[in-house]
Amino acid sequence: MAAPEIHQFICLQDNYGVLLRDPATGVDAAIDAPHGAQVEAAAKSKGWKITHILNTHHHGDHVGGNREIKEATGCIVVGARRDRARIPGIDVEVDDGDRYRFGEAEAEVFFVPGHT
């Protein structure tokens, strides 16, 4: 399995955006979506098309671009089951101990309360 490609960029005034690509499958994700246009511009600059948004939590500076990106790309929005009402456009709900497959990689989901 090839190592994932990661692209970090400044987003909003005080945040970062992160894009993740599985080079073997061409599956591209935004880790959170602080601002739709900025995230999409970063993906376009890399020649990537967002297929997933992997939300870490429900705060606006992490989910603010979900709907805009989903409308533009048809991507799948993944987020915490317990925050489903606060994560716009959520398609896949995950919880502590779940596993989520992204391209050839598989992630284990951890519930880490405190920030939210």
C-alpha atoms as a PDB file:
ATOM      1  CA  MET A   1       0.000   0.000   0.000  1.00  0.00           C
ATOM      2  CA  ALA A   2       1.352   3.416  -0.989  1.00  0.00           C
ATOM      3  CA  ALA A   3       1.676   6.092   1.687  1.00  0.00           C
ATOM      4  CA  PRO A   4      -1.116   8.687   1.651  1.00  0.00           C
ATOM      5  CA  GLU A   5      -0.376  12.158   0.335  1.00  0.00           C
ATOM      6  CA  ILE A   6      -1.170  15.048   2.681  1.00  0.00           C
ATOM      7  CA  HIS A   7      -1.607  18.713   1.754  1.00  0.00           C
ATOM      8  CA  GLN A   8      -2.004  21.337   4.499  1.00  0.00           C
ATOM      9  CA  PHE A   9      -3.008  24.927   3.728  1.00  0.00           C
ATOM     10  CA  ILE A  10      -4.120  28.058   5.551  1.00  0.00           C
ATOM     11  CA  CYS A  11      -7.901  28.294   5.765  1.00  0.00           C
ATOM     12  CA  LEU A  12     -10.030  31.042   7.285  1.00  0.00           C
ATOM     13  CA  GLN A  13      -7.980  33.551   9.290  1.00  0.00           C
ATOM     14  CA  ASP A  14      -6.875  31.284  12.099  1.00  0.00           C
ATOM     15  CA  ASN A  15      -7.197  27.719  10.891  1.00  0.00           C
ATOM     16  CA  TYR A  16      -5.711  25.147   8.557  1.00  0.00           C
ATOM     17  CA  GLY A  17      -7.262  22.850   6.036  1.00  0.00           C
ATOM     18  CA  VAL A  18      -5.945  19.373   5.365  1.00  0.00           C
ATOM     19  CA  LEU A  19      -6.422  17.258   2.271  1.00  0.00           C
ATOM     20  CA  LEU A  20      -5.634  13.562   2.176  1.00  0.00           C
ATOM     21  CA  ARG A  21      -5.174  11.412  -0.942  1.00  0.00           C
ATOM     22  CA  ASP A  22      -4.897   7.676  -1.330  1.00  0.00           C
ATOM     23  CA  PRO A  23      -2.619   7.593  -4.398  1.00  0.00           C
ATOM     24  CA  ALA A  24      -3.466   3.975  -5.188  1.00  0.00           C
ATOM     25  CA  THR A  25      -7.177   4.657  -5.598  1.00  0.00           C
ATOM     26  CA  GLY A  26      -7.406   8.413  -6.212  1.00  0.00           C
ATOM     27  CA  VAL A  27      -9.763   8.815  -3.262  1.00  0.00           C
ATOM     28  CA  ASP A  28      -9.400  12.367  -1.926  1.00  0.00           C
ATOM     29  CA  ALA A  29     -10.668  13.664   1.404  1.00  0.00           C
ATOM     30  CA  ALA A  30     -10.862  16.933   3.241  1.00  0.00           C
ATOM     31  CA  ILE A  31     -10.161  16.468   6.927  1.00  0.00           C
ATOM     32  CA  ASP A  32     -12.834  18.879   8.088  1.00  0.00           C
ATOM     33  CA  ALA A  33     -14.175  21.591   5.807  1.00  0.00           C
ATOM     34  CA  PRO A  34     -13.623  25.004   7.409  1.00  0.00           C
ATOM     35  CA  HIS A  35     -14.564  26.983   4.266  1.00  0.00           C
ATOM     36  CA  GLY A  36     -15.977  25.479   1.095  1.00  0.00           C
ATOM     37  CA  ALA A  37     -14.336  27.705  -1.522  1.00  0.00           C
ATOM     38  CA  GLN A  38     -10.914  27.593   0.131  1.00  0.00           C
ATOM     39  CA  VAL A  39     -10.965  23.812   0.501  1.00  0.00           C
ATOM     40  CA  GLU A  40     -12.102  23.329  -3.099  1.00  0.00           C
ATOM     41  CA  ALA A  41      -9.420  25.740  -4.376  1.00  0.00           C
ATOM     42  CA  ALA A  42      -6.730  23.808  -2.497  1.00  0.00           C
ATOM     43  CA  ALA A  43      -7.967  20.517  -3.972  1.00  0.00           C
ATOM     44  CA  LYS A  44      -8.054  22.027  -7.464  1.00  0.00           C
ATOM     45  CA  SER A  45      -4.485  23.315  -7.060  1.00  0.00           C
ATOM     46  CA  LYS A  46      -3.373  19.704  -6.479  1.00  0.00           C
ATOM     47  CA  GLY A  47      -5.528  18.308  -9.281  1.00  0.00           C
ATOM     48  CA  TRP A  48      -7.624  16.387  -6.739  1.00  0.00           C
ATOM     49  CA  LYS A  49     -11.415  15.992  -6.480  1.00  0.00           C
ATOM     50  CA  ILE A  50     -12.852  15.685  -2.998  1.00  0.00           C
ATOM     51  CA  THR A  51     -14.676  12.376  -2.615  1.00  0.00           C
ATOM     52  CA  HIS A  52     -15.024  12.500   1.195  1.00  0.00           C
ATOM     53  CA  ILE A  53     -15.146  14.963   4.054  1.00  0.00           C
ATOM     54  CA  LEU A  54     -13.924  13.383   7.283  1.00  0.00           C
ATOM     55  CA  ASN A  55     -15.217  15.607  10.086  1.00  0.00           C
ATOM     56  CA  THR A  56     -13.382  15.513  13.404  1.00  0.00           C
ATOM     57  CA  HIS A  57     -16.117  17.405  15.273  1.00  0.00           C
ATOM     58  CA  HIS A  58     -19.088  19.730  14.823  1.00  0.00           C
ATOM     59  CA  HIS A  59     -17.659  23.245  15.326  1.00  0.00           C
ATOM     60  CA  GLY A  60     -18.418  25.708  12.526  1.00  0.00           C
ATOM     61  CA  ASP A  61     -14.748  26.206  11.684  1.00  0.00           C
ATOM     62  CA  HIS A  62     -14.612  22.467  10.919  1.00  0.00           C
ATOM     63  CA  VAL A  63     -17.968  21.834   9.188  1.00  0.00           C
ATOM     64  CA  GLY A  64     -18.752  25.249   7.685  1.00  0.00           C
ATOM     65  CA  GLY A  65     -17.972  24.161   4.125  1.00  0.00           C
ATOM     66  CA  ASN A  66     -19.617  20.727   4.211  1.00  0.00           C
ATOM     67  CA  ARG A  67     -22.767  21.531   2.245  1.00  0.00           C
ATOM     68  CA  GLU A  68     -21.022  23.690  -0.368  1.00  0.00           C
ATOM     69  CA  ILE A  69     -18.402  21.023  -1.086  1.00  0.00           C
ATOM     70  CA  LYS A  70     -20.967  18.219  -1.065  1.00  0.00           C
ATOM     71  CA  GLU A  71     -23.152  20.098  -3.559  1.00  0.00           C
ATOM     72  CA  ALA A  72     -20.165  20.751  -5.836  1.00  0.00           C
ATOM     73  CA  THR A  73     -18.603  17.281  -5.713  1.00  0.00           C
ATOM     74  CA  GLY A  74     -21.210  14.801  -4.496  1.00  0.00           C
ATOM     75  CA  CYS A  75     -18.738  13.731  -1.800  1.00  0.00           C
ATOM     76  CA  ILE A  76     -19.552  11.559   1.211  1.00  0.00           C
ATOM     77  CA  VAL A  77     -19.604  13.346   4.570  1.00  0.00           C
ATOM     78  CA  VAL A  78     -18.426  11.258   7.530  1.00  0.00           C
ATOM     79  CA  GLY A  79     -18.763  12.327  11.160  1.00  0.00           C
ATOM     80  CA  ALA A  80     -19.505  11.347  14.724  1.00  0.00           C
ATOM     81  CA  ARG A  81     -22.870   9.708  15.336  1.00  0.00           C
ATOM     82  CA  ARG A  82     -23.336  11.729  18.529  1.00  0.00           C
ATOM     83  CA  ASP A  83     -22.903  14.972  16.545  1.00  0.00           C
ATOM     84  CA  ARG A  84     -25.073  13.990  13.568  1.00  0.00           C
ATOM     85  CA  ALA A  85     -27.549  16.818  14.208  1.00  0.00           C
ATOM     86  CA  ARG A  86     -24.689  19.341  14.180  1.00  0.00           C
ATOM     87  CA  ILE A  87     -22.715  18.065  11.153  1.00  0.00           C
ATOM     88  CA  PRO A  88     -24.275  19.426   7.952  1.00  0.00           C
ATOM     89  CA  GLY A  89     -24.753  16.903   5.164  1.00  0.00           C
ATOM     90  CA  ILE A  90     -23.627  13.867   7.173  1.00  0.00           C
ATOM     91  CA  ASP A  91     -23.981  10.601   5.240  1.00  0.00           C
ATOM     92  CA  VAL A  92     -21.953   8.136   7.327  1.00  0.00           C
ATOM     93  CA  GLU A  93     -22.065   8.117  11.123  1.00  0.00           C
ATOM     94  CA  VAL A  94     -19.176   6.611  13.073  1.00  0.00           C
ATOM     95  CA  ASP A  95     -18.610   6.003  16.757  1.00  0.00           C
ATOM     96  CA  ASP A  96     -15.866   4.939  19.142  1.00  0.00           C
ATOM     97  CA  GLY A  97     -14.335   1.638  18.086  1.00  0.00           C
ATOM     98  CA  ASP A  98     -15.755   1.701  14.557  1.00  0.00           C
ATOM     99  CA  ARG A  99     -13.488   1.227  11.564  1.00  0.00           C
ATOM    100  CA  TYR A 100     -13.815   3.349   8.454  1.00  0.00           C
ATOM    101  CA  ARG A 101     -12.244   2.406   5.127  1.00  0.00           C
ATOM    102  CA  PHE A 102     -10.770   5.219   3.028  1.00  0.00           C
ATOM    103  CA  GLY A 103      -9.328   3.939  -0.236  1.00  0.00           C
ATOM    104  CA  GLU A 104      -6.873   1.203   0.730  1.00  0.00           C
ATOM    105  CA  ALA A 105      -6.470   2.525   4.275  1.00  0.00           C
ATOM    106  CA  GLU A 106      -8.595   1.732   7.292  1.00  0.00           C
ATOM    107  CA  ALA A 107      -8.947   4.025  10.282  1.00  0.00           C
ATOM    108  CA  GLU A 108     -10.106   3.173  13.777  1.00  0.00           C
ATOM    109  CA  VAL A 109     -12.430   5.777  15.281  1.00  0.00           C
ATOM    110  CA  PHE A 110     -11.665   7.094  18.764  1.00  0.00           C
ATOM    111  CA  PHE A 111     -14.031   9.188  20.867  1.00  0.00           C
ATOM    112  CA  VAL A 112     -11.847  11.826  22.469  1.00  0.00           C
ATOM    113  CA  PRO A 113     -14.067  14.246  24.419  1.00  0.00           C
ATOM    114  CA  GLY A 114     -12.787  17.488  25.772  1.00  0.00           C
ATOM    115  CA  HIS A 115     -12.544  19.962  22.905  1.00  0.00           C
ATOM    116  CA  THR A 116     -16.270  19.851  22.254  1.00  0.00           C
END
